[in-house]
Amino acid sequence: MNAQAGHPESFPALVLNADFRPLSYYPLSLWSWQETVKAVFLDRVNIVSEYDRAVRSPSFEMRLPSVVALKTYVRPALYPAFTRFNVFLRDRFSCQYCGCKSELTFDHLIPRSRGGLTRWDNVVTACAPCNLKKGGLMPIDAGMIPYQHPDRPTVFELHRNGRLFPPNYLHHSWMDYLYWDTELEP
């Protein structure tokens, strides 16, 4: 990437916790250059690495940070929020019935029509065709048992799964702080 030719918008900063670990792997904890500069001026972060690109005002010049670390440790939650995205991430973006990775929805093991609740232990990722095939049946009646038993993941488990899906672009200054598992396929 040619830092002199790029727009400031193309210079996000990797945000690390005070222990120098990313706040999140998936999505990767990135701030826009504006958020990063504001955090620097508010003395909330330490600059760890910089781009070759600078922003200027009539009286000030600053190289854009590429990696920042929070000055105050943010204790991560032990358990993530229940969201559709987090269910997909827990299940590694794969249908739990056939392994397909497209047209993903989520399926209630015990159908809502039979009193099933929308919670971690009753919802799995399913492709639309499998979800339609199972319909309102119980898994055993449909002959569709999920590959893995659904449970509430920890934040650390979601981070582990997130490392299976590295973003398309990783700046070289970030590499010492990111640990992508390139041995496993998503």
N, C-alpha and C. Protein backbone atom coordinates (compact mmCIF):
# COMPACT_ATOMS: atom_id res chain seq x y z
N MET A 1 0.85 -1.17 0.00
CA MET A 1 0.00 0.00 0.00
C MET A 1 0.89 1.23 0.00
N ASN A 2 0.63 2.15 -0.87
CA ASN A 2 1.39 3.39 -0.92
C ASN A 2 0.76 4.39 0.03
N ALA A 3 1.41 4.61 1.16
CA ALA A 3 0.84 5.47 2.20
C ALA A 3 0.67 6.89 1.72
N GLN A 4 1.52 7.38 0.84
CA GLN A 4 1.42 8.76 0.40
C GLN A 4 0.22 8.96 -0.52
N ALA A 5 -0.16 7.92 -1.25
CA ALA A 5 -1.24 8.06 -2.22
C ALA A 5 -2.60 7.78 -1.62
N GLY A 6 -2.68 7.07 -0.50
CA GLY A 6 -3.97 6.68 0.07
C GLY A 6 -4.67 7.82 0.78
N HIS A 7 -5.96 7.70 0.90
CA HIS A 7 -6.76 8.65 1.67
C HIS A 7 -6.67 8.26 3.14
N PRO A 8 -6.82 9.22 4.05
CA PRO A 8 -6.76 8.86 5.48
C PRO A 8 -7.75 7.77 5.87
N GLU A 9 -8.90 7.70 5.17
CA GLU A 9 -9.90 6.69 5.51
C GLU A 9 -9.37 5.27 5.35
N SER A 10 -8.32 5.11 4.54
CA SER A 10 -7.77 3.78 4.32
C SER A 10 -6.67 3.43 5.32
N PHE A 11 -6.62 4.16 6.44
CA PHE A 11 -5.58 3.94 7.45
C PHE A 11 -6.19 3.66 8.82
N PRO A 12 -6.89 2.53 8.97
CA PRO A 12 -7.46 2.22 10.28
C PRO A 12 -6.35 1.83 11.27
N ALA A 13 -6.66 1.93 12.54
CA ALA A 13 -5.71 1.53 13.58
C ALA A 13 -6.21 0.27 14.26
N LEU A 14 -5.31 -0.67 14.45
CA LEU A 14 -5.61 -1.86 15.24
C LEU A 14 -5.65 -1.43 16.71
N VAL A 15 -6.72 -1.80 17.41
CA VAL A 15 -6.87 -1.40 18.81
C VAL A 15 -6.60 -2.60 19.70
N LEU A 16 -5.61 -2.42 20.57
CA LEU A 16 -5.23 -3.46 21.52
C LEU A 16 -5.70 -3.07 22.91
N ASN A 17 -5.98 -4.06 23.72
CA ASN A 17 -6.27 -3.81 25.12
C ASN A 17 -4.96 -3.43 25.79
N ALA A 18 -5.00 -3.06 27.05
CA ALA A 18 -3.78 -2.67 27.76
C ALA A 18 -2.79 -3.83 27.88
N ASP A 19 -3.25 -5.07 27.70
CA ASP A 19 -2.35 -6.23 27.74
C ASP A 19 -1.79 -6.56 26.35
N PHE A 20 -2.03 -5.68 25.38
CA PHE A 20 -1.52 -5.80 24.01
C PHE A 20 -2.14 -6.95 23.24
N ARG A 21 -3.36 -7.33 23.61
CA ARG A 21 -4.13 -8.29 22.81
C ARG A 21 -5.28 -7.54 22.16
N PRO A 22 -5.66 -7.91 20.93
CA PRO A 22 -6.78 -7.22 20.29
C PRO A 22 -8.04 -7.31 21.13
N LEU A 23 -8.83 -6.24 21.09
CA LEU A 23 -10.11 -6.26 21.80
C LEU A 23 -11.02 -7.33 21.20
N SER A 24 -10.90 -7.52 19.90
CA SER A 24 -11.73 -8.50 19.21
C SER A 24 -10.99 -8.98 17.96
N TYR A 25 -11.17 -10.25 17.62
CA TYR A 25 -10.59 -10.80 16.40
C TYR A 25 -11.59 -10.79 15.25
N TYR A 26 -12.85 -11.01 15.56
CA TYR A 26 -13.84 -11.08 14.50
C TYR A 26 -15.13 -10.47 14.98
N PRO A 27 -15.47 -9.27 14.60
CA PRO A 27 -14.68 -8.46 13.68
C PRO A 27 -13.43 -7.94 14.36
N LEU A 28 -12.41 -7.72 13.58
CA LEU A 28 -11.15 -7.23 14.09
C LEU A 28 -11.35 -5.84 14.69
N SER A 29 -10.76 -5.61 15.86
CA SER A 29 -10.94 -4.33 16.55
C SER A 29 -10.13 -3.24 15.85
N LEU A 30 -10.81 -2.48 15.02
CA LEU A 30 -10.20 -1.40 14.27
C LEU A 30 -10.96 -0.10 14.53
N TRP A 31 -10.22 0.99 14.58
CA TRP A 31 -10.83 2.32 14.67
C TRP A 31 -10.44 3.10 13.43
N SER A 32 -11.31 3.99 13.03
CA SER A 32 -10.97 4.91 11.94
C SER A 32 -9.85 5.84 12.41
N TRP A 33 -9.20 6.48 11.46
CA TRP A 33 -8.11 7.37 11.85
C TRP A 33 -8.62 8.52 12.72
N GLN A 34 -9.88 8.96 12.48
CA GLN A 34 -10.44 10.05 13.27
C GLN A 34 -10.63 9.63 14.73
N GLU A 35 -11.22 8.43 14.93
CA GLU A 35 -11.41 7.93 16.30
C GLU A 35 -10.07 7.76 17.01
N THR A 36 -9.08 7.30 16.26
CA THR A 36 -7.76 7.05 16.84
C THR A 36 -7.09 8.36 17.26
N VAL A 37 -7.12 9.35 16.39
CA VAL A 37 -6.51 10.65 16.71
C VAL A 37 -7.21 11.26 17.92
N LYS A 38 -8.53 11.16 17.96
CA LYS A 38 -9.27 11.69 19.12
C LYS A 38 -8.83 10.99 20.40
N ALA A 39 -8.69 9.66 20.37
CA ALA A 39 -8.27 8.90 21.55
C ALA A 39 -6.86 9.29 21.98
N VAL A 40 -5.98 9.59 21.01
CA VAL A 40 -4.62 10.04 21.34
C VAL A 40 -4.69 11.38 22.07
N PHE A 41 -5.47 12.31 21.54
CA PHE A 41 -5.57 13.63 22.17
C PHE A 41 -6.24 13.58 23.54
N LEU A 42 -7.15 12.62 23.74
CA LEU A 42 -7.80 12.47 25.04
C LEU A 42 -6.95 11.64 26.00
N ASP A 43 -5.76 11.22 25.54
CA ASP A 43 -4.80 10.46 26.34
C ASP A 43 -5.37 9.13 26.84
N ARG A 44 -6.16 8.48 25.98
CA ARG A 44 -6.76 7.18 26.31
C ARG A 44 -5.96 6.00 25.77
N VAL A 45 -5.03 6.28 24.85
CA VAL A 45 -4.26 5.21 24.20
C VAL A 45 -2.79 5.59 24.12
N ASN A 46 -1.96 4.56 23.99
CA ASN A 46 -0.55 4.74 23.66
C ASN A 46 -0.38 4.33 22.21
N ILE A 47 0.39 5.09 21.47
CA ILE A 47 0.67 4.74 20.07
C ILE A 47 1.78 3.69 20.07
N VAL A 48 1.52 2.57 19.44
CA VAL A 48 2.48 1.47 19.37
C VAL A 48 3.23 1.49 18.04
N SER A 49 2.50 1.82 16.97
CA SER A 49 3.11 1.85 15.63
C SER A 49 2.38 2.90 14.81
N GLU A 50 3.07 3.42 13.79
CA GLU A 50 2.49 4.47 12.95
C GLU A 50 2.63 4.13 11.47
N TYR A 51 1.72 4.72 10.68
CA TYR A 51 1.84 4.67 9.22
C TYR A 51 2.85 5.72 8.79
N ASP A 52 3.22 5.69 7.51
CA ASP A 52 4.06 6.73 6.94
C ASP A 52 3.24 7.97 6.60
N ARG A 53 1.95 7.88 6.72
CA ARG A 53 1.02 8.97 6.35
C ARG A 53 0.78 9.88 7.56
N ALA A 54 0.72 11.17 7.31
CA ALA A 54 0.46 12.15 8.37
C ALA A 54 -0.79 12.96 8.04
N VAL A 55 -1.42 13.47 9.07
CA VAL A 55 -2.50 14.45 8.91
C VAL A 55 -1.96 15.77 9.43
N ARG A 56 -2.43 16.87 8.82
CA ARG A 56 -1.87 18.18 9.14
C ARG A 56 -2.98 19.19 9.35
N SER A 57 -2.69 20.14 10.21
CA SER A 57 -3.49 21.35 10.34
C SER A 57 -2.51 22.51 10.17
N PRO A 58 -2.96 23.75 10.17
CA PRO A 58 -1.99 24.86 10.01
C PRO A 58 -0.90 24.88 11.08
N SER A 59 -1.19 24.34 12.26
CA SER A 59 -0.19 24.43 13.34
C SER A 59 0.28 23.09 13.89
N PHE A 60 -0.15 22.00 13.27
CA PHE A 60 0.14 20.70 13.86
C PHE A 60 0.27 19.64 12.77
N GLU A 61 1.13 18.67 13.00
CA GLU A 61 1.26 17.52 12.11
C GLU A 61 1.39 16.27 12.98
N MET A 62 0.71 15.20 12.55
CA MET A 62 0.76 13.94 13.31
C MET A 62 0.74 12.77 12.34
N ARG A 63 1.67 11.85 12.53
CA ARG A 63 1.63 10.61 11.75
C ARG A 63 0.45 9.78 12.25
N LEU A 64 -0.23 9.14 11.32
CA LEU A 64 -1.41 8.34 11.70
C LEU A 64 -0.98 7.07 12.40
N PRO A 65 -1.56 6.79 13.57
CA PRO A 65 -1.24 5.54 14.28
C PRO A 65 -1.78 4.33 13.52
N SER A 66 -1.00 3.27 13.45
CA SER A 66 -1.48 2.02 12.85
C SER A 66 -1.84 0.99 13.92
N VAL A 67 -1.22 1.12 15.10
CA VAL A 67 -1.54 0.25 16.24
C VAL A 67 -1.56 1.13 17.49
N VAL A 68 -2.63 1.00 18.27
CA VAL A 68 -2.72 1.70 19.55
C VAL A 68 -3.10 0.69 20.63
N ALA A 69 -2.68 1.00 21.85
CA ALA A 69 -3.04 0.17 23.00
C ALA A 69 -3.76 1.05 24.02
N LEU A 70 -4.87 0.54 24.53
CA LEU A 70 -5.60 1.28 25.55
C LEU A 70 -4.73 1.45 26.78
N LYS A 71 -4.85 2.57 27.46
CA LYS A 71 -4.09 2.80 28.68
C LYS A 71 -4.73 2.09 29.87
N THR A 72 -6.03 1.90 29.80
CA THR A 72 -6.76 1.22 30.86
C THR A 72 -7.27 -0.12 30.34
N TYR A 73 -6.99 -1.17 31.08
CA TYR A 73 -7.42 -2.51 30.68
C TYR A 73 -8.94 -2.61 30.70
N VAL A 74 -9.50 -3.13 29.63
CA VAL A 74 -10.94 -3.37 29.55
C VAL A 74 -11.14 -4.86 29.74
N ARG A 75 -11.76 -5.21 30.85
CA ARG A 75 -12.00 -6.63 31.14
C ARG A 75 -13.05 -7.16 30.17
N PRO A 76 -12.68 -8.16 29.36
CA PRO A 76 -13.68 -8.70 28.42
C PRO A 76 -14.76 -9.48 29.16
N ALA A 77 -15.95 -9.41 28.62
CA ALA A 77 -17.05 -10.19 29.18
C ALA A 77 -16.72 -11.67 29.01
N LEU A 78 -17.14 -12.48 29.95
CA LEU A 78 -16.88 -13.91 29.84
C LEU A 78 -17.76 -14.54 28.76
N TYR A 79 -19.01 -14.10 28.70
CA TYR A 79 -19.94 -14.66 27.74
C TYR A 79 -20.43 -13.58 26.78
N PRO A 80 -20.47 -13.89 25.49
CA PRO A 80 -20.92 -12.91 24.51
C PRO A 80 -22.44 -12.78 24.49
N ALA A 81 -22.90 -11.70 23.90
CA ALA A 81 -24.34 -11.50 23.72
C ALA A 81 -24.87 -12.53 22.72
N PHE A 82 -26.11 -12.92 22.91
CA PHE A 82 -26.75 -13.82 21.96
C PHE A 82 -27.20 -12.98 20.77
N THR A 83 -26.53 -13.17 19.64
CA THR A 83 -26.91 -12.51 18.39
C THR A 83 -26.81 -13.52 17.27
N ARG A 84 -27.46 -13.22 16.18
CA ARG A 84 -27.40 -14.09 15.00
C ARG A 84 -25.94 -14.25 14.56
N PHE A 85 -25.21 -13.14 14.49
CA PHE A 85 -23.81 -13.20 14.07
C PHE A 85 -23.01 -14.10 14.99
N ASN A 86 -23.19 -13.98 16.30
CA ASN A 86 -22.42 -14.81 17.24
C ASN A 86 -22.79 -16.29 17.14
N VAL A 87 -24.04 -16.59 16.83
CA VAL A 87 -24.42 -17.99 16.59
C VAL A 87 -23.68 -18.51 15.37
N PHE A 88 -23.66 -17.72 14.28
CA PHE A 88 -22.94 -18.13 13.07
C PHE A 88 -21.45 -18.31 13.38
N LEU A 89 -20.88 -17.41 14.15
CA LEU A 89 -19.47 -17.51 14.49
C LEU A 89 -19.20 -18.74 15.34
N ARG A 90 -20.05 -19.00 16.32
CA ARG A 90 -19.89 -20.21 17.14
C ARG A 90 -19.87 -21.45 16.26
N ASP A 91 -20.76 -21.48 15.26
CA ASP A 91 -20.90 -22.64 14.37
C ASP A 91 -20.01 -22.54 13.14
N ARG A 92 -19.06 -21.60 13.16
CA ARG A 92 -18.06 -21.41 12.11
C ARG A 92 -18.68 -21.18 10.73
N PHE A 93 -19.79 -20.45 10.71
CA PHE A 93 -20.46 -20.07 9.46
C PHE A 93 -20.73 -21.29 8.59
N SER A 94 -21.19 -22.38 9.21
CA SER A 94 -21.52 -23.62 8.50
C SER A 94 -22.84 -24.17 8.98
N CYS A 95 -23.64 -24.66 8.04
CA CYS A 95 -24.88 -25.33 8.39
C CYS A 95 -24.54 -26.53 9.27
N GLN A 96 -25.20 -26.65 10.37
CA GLN A 96 -24.92 -27.74 11.31
C GLN A 96 -25.57 -29.05 10.89
N TYR A 97 -26.28 -29.04 9.77
CA TYR A 97 -26.88 -30.28 9.26
C TYR A 97 -26.15 -30.82 8.03
N CYS A 98 -25.69 -29.92 7.14
CA CYS A 98 -25.06 -30.41 5.90
C CYS A 98 -23.67 -29.82 5.65
N GLY A 99 -23.28 -28.80 6.41
CA GLY A 99 -21.97 -28.20 6.25
C GLY A 99 -21.91 -27.06 5.24
N CYS A 100 -23.01 -26.78 4.56
CA CYS A 100 -23.06 -25.71 3.56
C CYS A 100 -22.71 -24.37 4.22
N LYS A 101 -22.12 -23.46 3.44
CA LYS A 101 -21.70 -22.17 3.96
C LYS A 101 -22.47 -21.00 3.33
N SER A 102 -23.54 -21.28 2.62
CA SER A 102 -24.31 -20.20 2.00
C SER A 102 -25.76 -20.24 2.44
N GLU A 103 -26.46 -19.14 2.22
CA GLU A 103 -27.87 -18.98 2.59
C GLU A 103 -28.12 -19.33 4.05
N LEU A 104 -27.27 -18.83 4.95
CA LEU A 104 -27.36 -19.22 6.35
C LEU A 104 -28.49 -18.51 7.08
N THR A 105 -29.17 -19.30 7.90
CA THR A 105 -30.23 -18.83 8.79
C THR A 105 -29.96 -19.49 10.13
N PHE A 106 -30.85 -19.29 11.10
CA PHE A 106 -30.70 -20.15 12.27
C PHE A 106 -31.96 -20.91 12.51
N ASP A 107 -31.77 -22.11 13.06
CA ASP A 107 -32.86 -23.07 13.27
C ASP A 107 -33.00 -23.35 14.75
N HIS A 108 -34.25 -23.41 15.19
CA HIS A 108 -34.55 -23.82 16.57
C HIS A 108 -34.63 -25.34 16.60
N LEU A 109 -33.80 -25.99 17.42
CA LEU A 109 -33.85 -27.45 17.53
C LEU A 109 -35.23 -27.89 17.98
N ILE A 110 -35.66 -27.35 19.11
CA ILE A 110 -37.06 -27.53 19.51
C ILE A 110 -37.79 -26.35 18.90
N PRO A 111 -38.63 -26.62 17.89
CA PRO A 111 -39.28 -25.52 17.18
C PRO A 111 -40.05 -24.58 18.11
N ARG A 112 -40.10 -23.33 17.73
CA ARG A 112 -40.85 -22.36 18.53
C ARG A 112 -42.31 -22.77 18.65
N SER A 113 -42.84 -23.42 17.60
CA SER A 113 -44.23 -23.86 17.64
C SER A 113 -44.46 -24.94 18.71
N ARG A 114 -43.37 -25.54 19.19
CA ARG A 114 -43.46 -26.56 20.25
C ARG A 114 -42.89 -26.04 21.57
N GLY A 115 -42.77 -24.73 21.67
CA GLY A 115 -42.31 -24.13 22.93
C GLY A 115 -40.81 -23.90 23.01
N GLY A 116 -40.09 -24.12 21.92
CA GLY A 116 -38.65 -23.90 21.92
C GLY A 116 -38.29 -22.44 22.08
N LEU A 117 -37.27 -22.17 22.86
CA LEU A 117 -36.85 -20.81 23.13
C LEU A 117 -35.67 -20.42 22.24
N THR A 118 -35.55 -19.11 22.02
CA THR A 118 -34.43 -18.59 21.24
C THR A 118 -33.30 -18.30 22.20
N ARG A 119 -32.44 -19.31 22.37
CA ARG A 119 -31.29 -19.18 23.26
C ARG A 119 -30.19 -20.12 22.75
N TRP A 120 -28.98 -19.93 23.32
CA TRP A 120 -27.80 -20.64 22.83
C TRP A 120 -27.98 -22.14 22.68
N ASP A 121 -28.61 -22.79 23.65
CA ASP A 121 -28.69 -24.25 23.63
C ASP A 121 -29.83 -24.79 22.77
N ASN A 122 -30.57 -23.90 22.09
CA ASN A 122 -31.66 -24.37 21.25
C ASN A 122 -31.57 -23.85 19.81
N VAL A 123 -30.52 -23.13 19.48
CA VAL A 123 -30.41 -22.55 18.14
C VAL A 123 -29.10 -22.98 17.51
N VAL A 124 -29.18 -23.38 16.23
CA VAL A 124 -27.99 -23.73 15.46
C VAL A 124 -28.05 -23.03 14.11
N THR A 125 -26.89 -22.89 13.48
CA THR A 125 -26.81 -22.34 12.14
C THR A 125 -27.31 -23.40 11.16
N ALA A 126 -28.17 -22.98 10.24
CA ALA A 126 -28.69 -23.90 9.22
C ALA A 126 -28.80 -23.16 7.90
N CYS A 127 -28.52 -23.84 6.82
CA CYS A 127 -28.75 -23.23 5.51
C CYS A 127 -30.25 -23.23 5.27
N ALA A 128 -30.70 -22.35 4.39
CA ALA A 128 -32.14 -22.23 4.14
C ALA A 128 -32.77 -23.55 3.70
N PRO A 129 -32.15 -24.33 2.78
CA PRO A 129 -32.78 -25.60 2.39
C PRO A 129 -32.94 -26.57 3.57
N CYS A 130 -31.92 -26.68 4.43
CA CYS A 130 -32.04 -27.58 5.59
C CYS A 130 -33.08 -27.06 6.58
N ASN A 131 -33.13 -25.77 6.76
CA ASN A 131 -34.10 -25.19 7.68
C ASN A 131 -35.52 -25.48 7.19
N LEU A 132 -35.74 -25.32 5.88
CA LEU A 132 -37.06 -25.62 5.32
C LEU A 132 -37.37 -27.11 5.42
N LYS A 133 -36.38 -27.95 5.17
CA LYS A 133 -36.57 -29.41 5.24
C LYS A 133 -36.97 -29.85 6.65
N LYS A 134 -36.29 -29.30 7.66
CA LYS A 134 -36.58 -29.66 9.04
C LYS A 134 -37.93 -29.10 9.47
N GLY A 135 -38.21 -27.86 9.04
CA GLY A 135 -39.49 -27.24 9.36
C GLY A 135 -39.77 -27.23 10.84
N GLY A 136 -40.98 -27.65 11.22
CA GLY A 136 -41.41 -27.66 12.61
C GLY A 136 -41.19 -28.99 13.31
N LEU A 137 -40.35 -29.85 12.71
CA LEU A 137 -40.10 -31.16 13.31
C LEU A 137 -38.98 -31.10 14.35
N MET A 138 -39.00 -32.07 15.24
CA MET A 138 -37.89 -32.24 16.16
C MET A 138 -36.73 -32.85 15.36
N PRO A 139 -35.49 -32.61 15.75
CA PRO A 139 -34.34 -33.12 14.97
C PRO A 139 -34.40 -34.63 14.73
N ILE A 140 -34.77 -35.39 15.73
CA ILE A 140 -34.80 -36.86 15.59
C ILE A 140 -35.88 -37.28 14.59
N ASP A 141 -37.02 -36.57 14.61
CA ASP A 141 -38.12 -36.89 13.69
C ASP A 141 -37.76 -36.53 12.25
N ALA A 142 -36.98 -35.49 12.08
CA ALA A 142 -36.56 -35.07 10.74
C ALA A 142 -35.33 -35.84 10.27
N GLY A 143 -34.72 -36.61 11.16
CA GLY A 143 -33.47 -37.30 10.83
C GLY A 143 -32.33 -36.32 10.60
N MET A 144 -32.38 -35.21 11.32
CA MET A 144 -31.38 -34.16 11.14
C MET A 144 -30.80 -33.78 12.50
N ILE A 145 -29.70 -34.42 12.83
CA ILE A 145 -29.03 -34.15 14.11
C ILE A 145 -27.87 -33.19 13.82
N PRO A 146 -27.77 -32.09 14.56
CA PRO A 146 -26.66 -31.15 14.29
C PRO A 146 -25.30 -31.78 14.55
N TYR A 147 -24.29 -31.31 13.79
CA TYR A 147 -22.93 -31.82 13.93
C TYR A 147 -22.39 -31.64 15.34
N GLN A 148 -22.69 -30.51 15.95
CA GLN A 148 -22.22 -30.28 17.32
C GLN A 148 -23.38 -29.84 18.18
N HIS A 149 -23.33 -30.24 19.44
CA HIS A 149 -24.37 -29.85 20.38
C HIS A 149 -24.25 -28.35 20.66
N PRO A 150 -25.33 -27.59 20.50
CA PRO A 150 -25.23 -26.15 20.73
C PRO A 150 -25.12 -25.83 22.22
N ASP A 151 -24.24 -24.90 22.52
CA ASP A 151 -24.15 -24.41 23.90
C ASP A 151 -23.71 -22.97 23.87
N ARG A 152 -23.73 -22.33 25.01
CA ARG A 152 -23.33 -20.94 25.12
C ARG A 152 -21.81 -20.87 25.08
N PRO A 153 -21.25 -20.20 24.07
CA PRO A 153 -19.79 -20.12 23.98
C PRO A 153 -19.25 -19.03 24.91
N THR A 154 -17.99 -19.12 25.22
CA THR A 154 -17.32 -18.03 25.92
C THR A 154 -16.81 -17.06 24.87
N VAL A 155 -16.46 -15.87 25.30
CA VAL A 155 -15.86 -14.89 24.40
C VAL A 155 -14.57 -15.46 23.82
N PHE A 156 -13.81 -16.19 24.63
CA PHE A 156 -12.55 -16.77 24.16
C PHE A 156 -12.79 -17.79 23.05
N GLU A 157 -13.87 -18.57 23.15
CA GLU A 157 -14.19 -19.53 22.09
C GLU A 157 -14.57 -18.81 20.79
N LEU A 158 -15.31 -17.71 20.90
CA LEU A 158 -15.65 -16.95 19.70
C LEU A 158 -14.40 -16.30 19.10
N HIS A 159 -13.48 -15.82 19.95
CA HIS A 159 -12.23 -15.27 19.43
C HIS A 159 -11.45 -16.36 18.70
N ARG A 160 -11.41 -17.55 19.27
CA ARG A 160 -10.70 -18.67 18.61
C ARG A 160 -11.32 -18.92 17.23
N ASN A 161 -12.63 -18.97 17.16
CA ASN A 161 -13.29 -19.19 15.87
C ASN A 161 -13.06 -18.01 14.93
N GLY A 162 -13.06 -16.80 15.48
CA GLY A 162 -12.83 -15.62 14.65
C GLY A 162 -11.47 -15.63 13.99
N ARG A 163 -10.49 -16.23 14.64
CA ARG A 163 -9.15 -16.30 14.05
C ARG A 163 -9.11 -17.23 12.84
N LEU A 164 -10.15 -18.01 12.64
CA LEU A 164 -10.24 -18.87 11.45
C LEU A 164 -10.63 -18.07 10.21
N PHE A 165 -11.05 -16.81 10.40
CA PHE A 165 -11.55 -15.99 9.30
C PHE A 165 -10.80 -14.66 9.24
N PRO A 166 -9.51 -14.68 8.90
CA PRO A 166 -8.77 -13.41 8.87
C PRO A 166 -9.35 -12.46 7.82
N PRO A 167 -9.28 -11.16 8.10
CA PRO A 167 -9.78 -10.20 7.12
C PRO A 167 -8.93 -10.20 5.85
N ASN A 168 -9.46 -9.59 4.81
CA ASN A 168 -8.75 -9.55 3.53
C ASN A 168 -7.48 -8.72 3.60
N TYR A 169 -7.46 -7.72 4.47
CA TYR A 169 -6.30 -6.85 4.54
C TYR A 169 -5.77 -6.79 5.97
N LEU A 170 -4.48 -7.06 6.11
CA LEU A 170 -3.80 -6.95 7.41
C LEU A 170 -2.53 -6.14 7.19
N HIS A 171 -2.42 -5.00 7.84
CA HIS A 171 -1.22 -4.19 7.69
C HIS A 171 -0.05 -4.89 8.39
N HIS A 172 1.15 -4.78 7.83
CA HIS A 172 2.32 -5.48 8.39
C HIS A 172 2.59 -5.07 9.84
N SER A 173 2.24 -3.85 10.24
CA SER A 173 2.50 -3.41 11.62
C SER A 173 1.59 -4.11 12.63
N TRP A 174 0.54 -4.78 12.15
CA TRP A 174 -0.40 -5.46 13.05
C TRP A 174 0.03 -6.89 13.35
N MET A 175 0.90 -7.46 12.55
CA MET A 175 1.14 -8.90 12.59
C MET A 175 1.70 -9.41 13.91
N ASP A 176 2.46 -8.61 14.64
CA ASP A 176 2.99 -9.06 15.93
C ASP A 176 1.90 -9.21 16.99
N TYR A 177 0.70 -8.69 16.72
CA TYR A 177 -0.36 -8.69 17.73
C TYR A 177 -1.53 -9.60 17.35
N LEU A 178 -1.47 -10.18 16.16
CA LEU A 178 -2.56 -11.03 15.68
C LEU A 178 -2.06 -12.45 15.52
N TYR A 179 -2.89 -13.38 15.89
CA TYR A 179 -2.50 -14.79 15.85
C TYR A 179 -3.55 -15.56 15.06
N TRP A 180 -3.40 -15.55 13.74
CA TRP A 180 -4.35 -16.24 12.89
C TRP A 180 -3.94 -17.69 12.77
N ASP A 181 -4.92 -18.56 12.90
CA ASP A 181 -4.68 -19.99 12.77
C ASP A 181 -4.81 -20.36 11.31
N THR A 182 -3.68 -20.41 10.62
CA THR A 182 -3.72 -20.69 9.18
C THR A 182 -3.74 -22.19 8.88
N GLU A 183 -3.63 -23.02 9.90
CA GLU A 183 -3.63 -24.47 9.68
C GLU A 183 -5.05 -25.00 9.45
N LEU A 184 -6.03 -24.35 10.07
CA LEU A 184 -7.40 -24.84 10.00
C LEU A 184 -8.18 -24.11 8.93
N GLU A 185 -9.02 -24.81 8.24
CA GLU A 185 -9.89 -24.20 7.26
C GLU A 185 -11.17 -23.75 7.98
N PRO A 186 -11.76 -22.62 7.59
CA PRO A 186 -13.00 -22.17 8.24
C PRO A 186 -14.15 -23.10 7.95
